[in-house]
Amino acid sequence: MSLIPQITAHSADQSAATRATIASVSSQDFFVTRTYGVFHIPACPAGKDCDTLAVTGREDAIDLGDNHRITLQISARDIAADVIQDLEDHGIFVCTGEFPSAEELAGARARRDGWYSRLVAEADEMWARGHSYREISDMHRRAAFSLSLQREWAYAPQASRECPACGEKVRPDVAVCKHCKAVLDEERAARYFPNTRREKAPQHTQPARPNIAHS
């Protein structure tokens, strides 16, 4: 069976019977590849109830040989259901109508949060066994962040820099190096540590060349 790809855009005069709407309450983008195209399910924007993707029906053809083909129509709803088949736990669903209802959105959020709770419980169990960050996936961390749960394993990696005085790794926004107490931000150090004397971090300058007399 060979499928004929078509453009996903739809015209305004297409009837509702040839269209379906996928709605997402997930904070994550998804790109789904199927034999009839690539579908981008957008993340729900901050402060919005959801985001949606309109799907149209497609045409399929069965090649019988000897230049004989049977043309079939694949409904938009069948395509939409195929696209989201493994994404429903993320809060992604096919709307009953053209737009998602309040009940559908509430159900999607409940399904997503229930799955997030299971992921957090799974990560808690793995962390208790070995305290290994390598076992914790980005999806586990996303679940904890989405549910506003504080977990030791759900850390947010931060960039670091080297202290110019001692070479140890420090956060880029610190005023004073915790290792050698060198001042890295004079203004902030003076504001928050006014009564403590600290060494100023050395500046990176070219070393002076020795004055060697030639005989």
Protein backbone atom coordinates (compact mmCIF):
# COMPACT_ATOMS: atom_id res chain seq x y z
CA MET A 1 0.00 0.00 0.00
CA SER A 2 1.40 3.39 -0.96
CA LEU A 3 0.10 6.58 0.60
CA ILE A 4 -0.10 9.84 -1.27
CA PRO A 5 1.20 12.75 0.86
CA GLN A 6 -0.86 15.92 0.81
CA ILE A 7 -0.44 19.39 2.28
CA THR A 8 -1.76 19.69 5.84
CA ALA A 9 -3.23 23.15 5.29
CA HIS A 10 -6.98 23.30 4.80
CA SER A 11 -9.23 25.79 3.02
CA ALA A 12 -12.00 27.69 4.78
CA ASP A 13 -14.77 26.03 2.78
CA GLN A 14 -13.91 22.48 3.90
CA SER A 15 -16.72 21.00 5.94
CA ALA A 16 -16.32 19.91 9.54
CA ALA A 17 -16.67 16.28 8.41
CA THR A 18 -13.29 16.48 6.65
CA ARG A 19 -11.50 18.08 9.59
CA ALA A 20 -10.52 17.09 13.11
CA THR A 21 -8.86 19.07 15.87
CA ILE A 22 -6.07 17.83 18.12
CA ALA A 23 -5.79 19.78 21.38
CA SER A 24 -2.83 19.80 23.79
CA VAL A 25 -2.48 20.95 27.39
CA SER A 26 1.14 19.75 27.47
CA SER A 27 4.05 22.14 27.94
CA GLN A 28 6.04 20.12 25.40
CA ASP A 29 6.18 20.25 21.59
CA PHE A 30 5.78 17.01 19.68
CA PHE A 31 6.67 16.14 16.10
CA VAL A 32 4.92 12.97 14.99
CA THR A 33 5.84 11.19 11.76
CA ARG A 34 3.32 9.02 10.01
CA THR A 35 3.23 7.58 6.48
CA TYR A 36 1.04 10.47 5.37
CA GLY A 37 3.16 13.28 6.77
CA VAL A 38 4.81 14.95 9.75
CA PHE A 39 2.55 16.59 12.32
CA HIS A 40 3.65 19.29 14.75
CA ILE A 41 1.57 19.32 17.92
CA PRO A 42 2.45 22.64 19.58
CA ALA A 43 3.01 23.10 23.30
CA CYS A 44 0.33 24.88 25.29
CA PRO A 45 1.45 28.53 25.67
CA ALA A 46 1.87 29.87 29.20
CA GLY A 47 -1.37 31.35 30.47
CA LYS A 48 -3.49 29.62 27.82
CA ASP A 49 -5.90 26.70 28.19
CA CYS A 50 -4.42 24.72 25.30
CA ASP A 51 -3.11 24.85 21.76
CA THR A 52 -4.59 23.05 18.79
CA LEU A 53 -3.68 21.46 15.48
CA ALA A 54 -6.19 21.11 12.64
CA VAL A 55 -5.99 17.82 10.72
CA THR A 56 -7.59 17.18 7.34
CA GLY A 57 -8.54 13.96 5.60
CA ARG A 58 -6.09 12.34 3.22
CA GLU A 59 -6.25 10.17 0.14
CA ASP A 60 -4.77 6.68 0.00
CA ALA A 61 -4.30 4.46 -3.02
CA ILE A 62 -4.00 0.69 -3.32
CA ASP A 63 -1.95 -0.44 -6.31
CA LEU A 64 -3.52 -3.56 -7.86
CA GLY A 65 -0.96 -3.81 -10.68
CA ASP A 66 -1.42 -3.40 -14.43
CA ASN A 67 -1.99 0.31 -13.86
CA HIS A 68 -5.08 -0.39 -11.77
CA ARG A 69 -5.45 1.55 -8.52
CA ILE A 70 -8.19 1.88 -5.94
CA THR A 71 -8.44 5.28 -4.29
CA LEU A 72 -9.53 5.42 -0.65
CA GLN A 73 -10.30 8.33 1.64
CA ILE A 74 -8.85 8.36 5.17
CA SER A 75 -10.98 10.46 7.48
CA ALA A 76 -9.46 13.33 9.44
CA ARG A 77 -10.60 11.78 12.72
CA ASP A 78 -8.90 8.46 11.93
CA ILE A 79 -5.67 10.30 11.12
CA ALA A 80 -5.87 12.41 14.29
CA ALA A 81 -6.46 9.30 16.42
CA ASP A 82 -3.44 7.64 14.81
CA VAL A 83 -1.24 10.69 15.44
CA ILE A 84 -1.97 10.89 19.19
CA GLN A 85 -2.10 7.16 19.91
CA ASP A 86 0.82 7.25 22.38
CA LEU A 87 0.50 10.86 23.55
CA GLU A 88 -2.76 10.90 25.49
CA ASP A 89 -0.98 10.69 28.85
CA HIS A 90 0.67 14.01 28.00
CA GLY A 91 -2.74 15.71 27.89
CA ILE A 92 -3.25 15.48 24.13
CA PHE A 93 -6.60 14.45 22.68
CA VAL A 94 -8.88 14.63 19.65
CA CYS A 95 -11.73 17.07 20.20
CA THR A 96 -15.29 15.87 19.79
CA GLY A 97 -16.14 19.09 17.99
CA GLU A 98 -14.14 21.72 16.18
CA PHE A 99 -12.91 23.20 19.47
CA PRO A 100 -12.13 21.54 22.83
CA SER A 101 -14.82 21.77 25.48
CA ALA A 102 -14.19 22.72 29.11
CA GLU A 103 -14.93 19.13 30.14
CA GLU A 104 -12.43 17.75 27.62
CA LEU A 105 -9.73 20.13 28.81
CA ALA A 106 -10.36 19.26 32.46
CA GLY A 107 -10.18 15.55 31.63
CA ALA A 108 -6.91 16.03 29.70
CA ARG A 109 -5.33 17.91 32.61
CA ALA A 110 -6.42 15.23 35.07
CA ARG A 111 -4.99 12.49 32.84
CA ARG A 112 -1.72 14.41 32.41
CA ASP A 113 -1.35 15.16 36.14
CA GLY A 114 -2.16 11.56 37.04
CA TRP A 115 0.60 10.36 34.73
CA TYR A 116 3.00 12.98 36.13
CA SER A 117 2.23 11.73 39.65
CA ARG A 118 3.09 8.18 38.60
CA LEU A 119 6.36 9.40 37.07
CA VAL A 120 7.30 11.22 40.27
CA ALA A 121 6.54 8.12 42.34
CA GLU A 122 8.68 6.05 39.99
CA ALA A 123 11.57 8.52 40.25
CA ASP A 124 11.27 8.61 44.05
CA GLU A 125 11.64 4.82 44.13
CA MET A 126 14.67 4.84 41.82
CA TRP A 127 16.29 7.63 43.81
CA ALA A 128 15.76 5.78 47.09
CA ARG A 129 17.52 2.71 45.66
CA GLY A 130 20.74 4.35 44.54
CA HIS A 131 20.65 8.16 44.48
CA SER A 132 21.74 8.08 40.83
CA TYR A 133 20.92 11.07 38.64
CA ARG A 134 21.53 8.91 35.57
CA GLU A 135 18.37 6.91 36.28
CA ILE A 136 16.22 10.04 36.35
CA SER A 137 14.99 11.08 32.91
CA ASP A 138 14.04 14.52 31.66
CA MET A 139 10.43 13.37 31.70
CA HIS A 140 10.67 12.59 35.43
CA ARG A 141 12.03 16.07 36.08
CA ARG A 142 9.40 17.67 33.85
CA ALA A 143 6.71 15.88 35.86
CA ALA A 144 8.05 17.21 39.15
CA PHE A 145 8.37 20.77 37.81
CA SER A 146 4.87 20.68 36.31
CA LEU A 147 3.38 19.56 39.63
CA SER A 148 5.49 22.13 41.54
CA LEU A 149 7.06 19.37 43.63
CA GLN A 150 10.44 19.80 45.30
CA ARG A 151 12.67 16.78 44.82
CA GLU A 152 16.41 16.34 45.32
CA TRP A 153 16.62 14.47 42.01
CA ALA A 154 14.66 17.15 40.11
CA TYR A 155 17.52 19.61 39.89
CA ALA A 156 17.77 22.27 37.21
CA PRO A 157 21.33 22.25 35.77
CA GLN A 158 23.00 25.67 35.86
CA ALA A 159 25.94 26.97 33.92
CA SER A 160 29.15 27.51 35.85
CA ARG A 161 32.41 29.36 35.41
CA GLU A 162 35.91 29.08 36.82
CA CYS A 163 36.97 31.34 39.65
CA PRO A 164 39.91 33.38 38.29
CA ALA A 165 41.68 33.12 41.67
CA CYS A 166 41.51 29.41 42.48
CA GLY A 167 40.11 27.81 39.32
CA GLU A 168 37.22 26.07 41.08
CA LYS A 169 33.78 25.93 39.44
CA VAL A 170 31.30 28.51 40.75
CA ARG A 171 27.89 29.76 39.65
CA PRO A 172 28.04 32.72 37.26
CA ASP A 173 26.05 35.01 39.57
CA VAL A 174 28.00 34.61 42.84
CA ALA A 175 29.60 37.65 44.44
CA VAL A 176 32.26 35.78 46.43
CA CYS A 177 33.94 32.46 45.63
CA LYS A 178 32.96 29.89 48.26
CA HIS A 179 36.28 28.09 47.85
CA CYS A 180 38.88 30.84 48.20
CA LYS A 181 36.69 33.85 49.22
CA ALA A 182 37.87 35.94 46.27
CA VAL A 183 35.54 38.80 45.34
CA LEU A 184 33.99 38.15 41.92
CA ASP A 185 31.42 40.98 41.97
CA GLU A 186 32.61 44.00 43.98
CA GLU A 187 29.27 45.81 44.00
CA ARG A 188 27.25 42.84 45.25
CA ALA A 189 29.96 41.80 47.71
CA ALA A 190 29.98 45.31 49.22
CA ARG A 191 26.17 45.28 49.46
CA TYR A 192 25.72 41.88 51.07
CA PHE A 193 29.04 41.39 52.91
CA PRO A 194 30.03 44.93 54.01
CA ASN A 195 31.92 43.93 57.18
CA THR A 196 33.96 41.05 55.82
CA ARG A 197 37.32 41.56 54.17
CA ARG A 198 38.04 39.39 51.20
CA GLU A 199 40.72 39.03 48.63
CA LYS A 200 39.99 40.55 45.24
CA ALA A 201 40.16 38.11 42.36
CA PRO A 202 43.20 38.71 40.16
CA GLN A 203 42.72 40.28 36.76
CA HIS A 204 43.86 38.46 33.64
CA THR A 205 46.74 40.57 32.36
CA GLN A 206 49.79 39.83 30.30
CA PRO A 207 52.80 39.14 32.55
CA ALA A 208 55.55 41.72 32.38
CA ARG A 209 58.61 40.69 30.44
CA PRO A 210 61.81 40.55 32.46
CA ASN A 211 64.36 43.27 31.67
CA ILE A 212 67.45 41.27 30.60
CA ALA A 213 70.62 43.20 29.90
CA HIS A 214 72.55 41.99 26.91
CA SER A 215 76.33 42.14 27.12
